[in-house]
Protein backbone atom coordinates (compact mmCIF):
# COMPACT_ATOMS: atom_id res chain seq x y z
CA MET A 1 6.99 -10.03 0.73
CA LEU A 2 4.58 -12.68 -0.50
CA ILE A 3 0.92 -12.19 -1.31
CA ALA A 4 -0.82 -15.54 -1.63
CA ASP A 5 -4.30 -16.97 -1.69
CA GLU A 6 -5.21 -17.96 1.83
CA ALA A 7 -6.45 -21.31 0.50
CA LEU A 8 -2.81 -22.31 0.00
CA ARG A 9 -2.18 -22.04 3.77
CA LEU A 10 1.47 -21.08 3.35
CA ARG A 11 1.89 -19.66 6.83
CA ASN A 12 2.97 -23.08 8.10
CA PHE A 13 5.72 -23.42 5.48
CA ARG A 14 7.61 -20.13 5.49
CA SER A 15 8.39 -17.92 8.44
CA ASP A 16 11.09 -15.84 6.74
CA LEU A 17 8.72 -13.88 4.50
CA GLY A 18 6.30 -11.05 5.02
CA LEU A 19 3.27 -13.16 4.13
CA TYR A 20 -0.11 -11.68 3.30
CA GLU A 21 -2.80 -14.30 2.92
CA VAL A 22 -5.82 -13.04 1.01
CA PRO A 23 -9.11 -14.79 0.06
CA PHE A 24 -9.02 -13.68 -3.57
CA SER A 25 -11.95 -15.81 -4.76
CA LYS A 26 -14.13 -14.69 -1.87
CA ILE A 27 -13.36 -11.03 -2.58
CA ALA A 28 -14.02 -11.49 -6.31
CA GLY A 29 -17.27 -13.24 -5.39
CA GLN A 30 -18.45 -9.96 -3.89
CA VAL A 31 -18.10 -8.39 -7.34
CA THR A 32 -19.75 -11.13 -9.42
CA ALA A 33 -21.62 -14.38 -8.91
CA ASP A 34 -20.44 -15.75 -12.28
CA SER A 35 -17.84 -18.44 -11.46
CA ARG A 36 -15.97 -17.94 -14.74
CA LEU A 37 -15.70 -14.19 -14.21
CA ARG A 38 -14.82 -14.66 -10.55
CA LYS A 39 -11.63 -16.50 -11.55
CA LEU A 40 -10.65 -13.65 -13.88
CA LEU A 41 -11.53 -10.92 -11.40
CA ALA A 42 -9.51 -12.62 -8.64
CA ASN A 43 -6.42 -11.37 -10.48
CA MET A 44 -7.72 -7.82 -10.34
CA THR A 45 -8.40 -8.11 -6.61
CA TYR A 46 -4.71 -8.96 -6.36
CA VAL A 47 -3.94 -5.67 -8.13
CA GLY A 48 -5.97 -3.82 -5.52
CA VAL A 49 -4.29 -5.61 -2.61
CA LEU A 50 -0.84 -4.97 -4.07
CA ALA A 51 -1.68 -1.31 -4.75
CA HIS A 52 -2.64 -0.82 -1.12
CA LEU A 53 0.38 -2.65 0.29
CA LEU A 54 2.83 -0.79 -1.96
CA GLN A 55 1.06 2.49 -1.22
CA LEU A 56 0.43 3.21 -4.89
CA ASP A 57 -1.56 6.28 -5.82
CA TYR A 58 -5.04 4.80 -6.23
CA ASP A 59 -5.95 7.29 -8.96
CA ALA A 60 -2.99 6.04 -11.03
CA VAL A 61 -4.16 2.45 -10.62
CA GLU A 62 -7.67 3.46 -11.65
CA ARG A 63 -6.32 5.24 -14.75
CA ALA A 64 -4.35 2.11 -15.68
CA VAL A 65 -7.51 0.00 -15.48
CA TRP A 66 -9.39 2.53 -17.62
CA LYS A 67 -6.59 2.48 -20.18
CA GLN A 68 -6.42 -1.33 -20.24
CA PHE A 69 -10.15 -1.74 -20.78
CA LYS A 70 -11.01 1.38 -22.78
CA ASN A 71 -13.97 0.90 -25.11
CA LYS A 72 -15.08 -2.11 -23.04
CA ALA A 73 -17.35 -0.44 -20.51
CA LYS A 74 -18.62 -3.60 -18.81
CA ALA A 75 -15.14 -5.12 -18.46
CA GLU A 76 -13.78 -1.80 -17.23
CA GLU A 77 -16.49 -1.51 -14.59
CA LEU A 78 -16.12 -5.09 -13.31
CA ASN A 79 -12.35 -4.94 -13.19
CA LEU A 80 -12.38 -1.60 -11.43
CA GLN A 81 -14.84 -2.98 -8.86
CA ALA A 82 -12.50 -5.94 -8.28
CA VAL A 83 -9.51 -3.62 -7.80
CA GLN A 84 -11.53 -1.52 -5.36
CA ALA A 85 -12.62 -4.65 -3.48
CA GLY A 86 -9.02 -5.86 -3.16
CA PHE A 87 -7.82 -2.42 -2.11
CA GLY A 88 -10.57 -2.17 0.48
CA TYR A 89 -9.90 -5.65 1.82
CA ALA A 90 -6.22 -4.86 2.28
CA ALA A 91 -6.97 -1.56 3.98
CA GLU A 92 -9.35 -3.20 6.45
CA ASN A 93 -7.68 -6.56 7.08
CA LEU A 94 -3.96 -6.52 6.38
CA VAL A 95 -1.32 -5.07 8.66
CA LYS A 96 1.72 -3.99 6.67
CA THR A 97 4.80 -5.78 7.97
CA ASP A 98 7.29 -5.07 5.18
CA PRO A 99 9.24 -1.93 4.24
CA PHE A 100 8.33 -1.94 0.53
CA ARG A 101 6.47 0.88 -1.19
CA VAL A 102 6.41 2.53 -4.58
CA GLU A 103 6.94 6.26 -4.86
CA ARG A 104 6.10 8.43 -7.86
CA MET A 105 9.22 9.86 -9.48
CA ASP A 106 9.44 12.42 -12.23
CA THR A 107 13.07 11.80 -13.22
CA THR A 108 12.06 10.87 -16.77
CA ASP A 109 10.11 14.03 -17.53
CA GLY A 110 11.08 15.35 -20.94
CA LYS A 111 12.91 12.15 -21.86
CA ILE A 112 12.02 9.47 -24.36
CA LEU A 113 11.81 5.95 -22.96
CA ILE A 114 12.43 3.39 -25.71
CA ASP A 115 13.93 -0.04 -26.18
CA GLY A 116 16.87 -0.99 -28.39
CA ASN A 117 14.82 -1.75 -31.49
CA GLN A 118 13.06 1.59 -31.30
CA ALA A 119 16.40 3.39 -30.78
CA ALA A 120 17.86 1.63 -33.83
CA ALA A 121 14.86 2.64 -35.95
CA ILE A 122 15.07 6.27 -34.86
CA GLY A 123 18.84 6.32 -35.45
CA ALA A 124 18.44 4.82 -38.90
CA THR A 125 15.72 7.32 -39.80
CA PHE A 126 17.71 10.33 -38.60
CA GLY A 127 20.77 8.93 -40.37
CA GLY A 128 18.95 9.06 -43.69
CA CYS A 129 18.21 5.37 -44.07
CA THR A 130 14.92 4.70 -45.86
CA VAL A 131 14.86 0.88 -45.76
CA VAL A 132 16.07 -1.46 -43.02
CA THR A 133 15.71 -5.25 -43.03
CA TRP A 134 17.05 -7.94 -40.77
CA TYR A 135 16.79 -11.60 -40.19
CA PRO A 136 14.29 -11.96 -37.32
CA ILE A 137 16.27 -14.43 -35.21
CA THR A 138 19.57 -12.58 -35.04
CA LEU A 139 18.15 -9.04 -35.23
CA ARG A 140 21.36 -8.07 -37.02
CA PRO A 141 20.69 -5.10 -39.35
CA LEU A 142 21.56 -5.75 -42.98
CA TRP A 143 22.31 -2.19 -44.06
């Protein structure tokens, strides 16, 4: 699956991919006339197209945009409009030809999702350690 700007005209180069050609700049131009903002919002139109193609829950995508741009009302509004424009474009113009989709799963409910550094910090704290230092390149604890 490849989602690409239609200006690249990739259809002639690859026939082994599910190719979706999308006019990102044109879609973003429907949201704003500002050329500088249009380049930034083109990325958010991509989010909308991808959300539609992967069958993401649109409300979850909207919440992610709100979270990303909280306390920045104008940016939040513009980015959300760009996502909506991309989602709408995909719904009206793209025919899904690939099997990929994302499905909500609740297998992590009640579990803590952390990385190794966070796990080491929690383990050290529960183990009674009050100070931990390490050399930043090796990340080897010097306890």
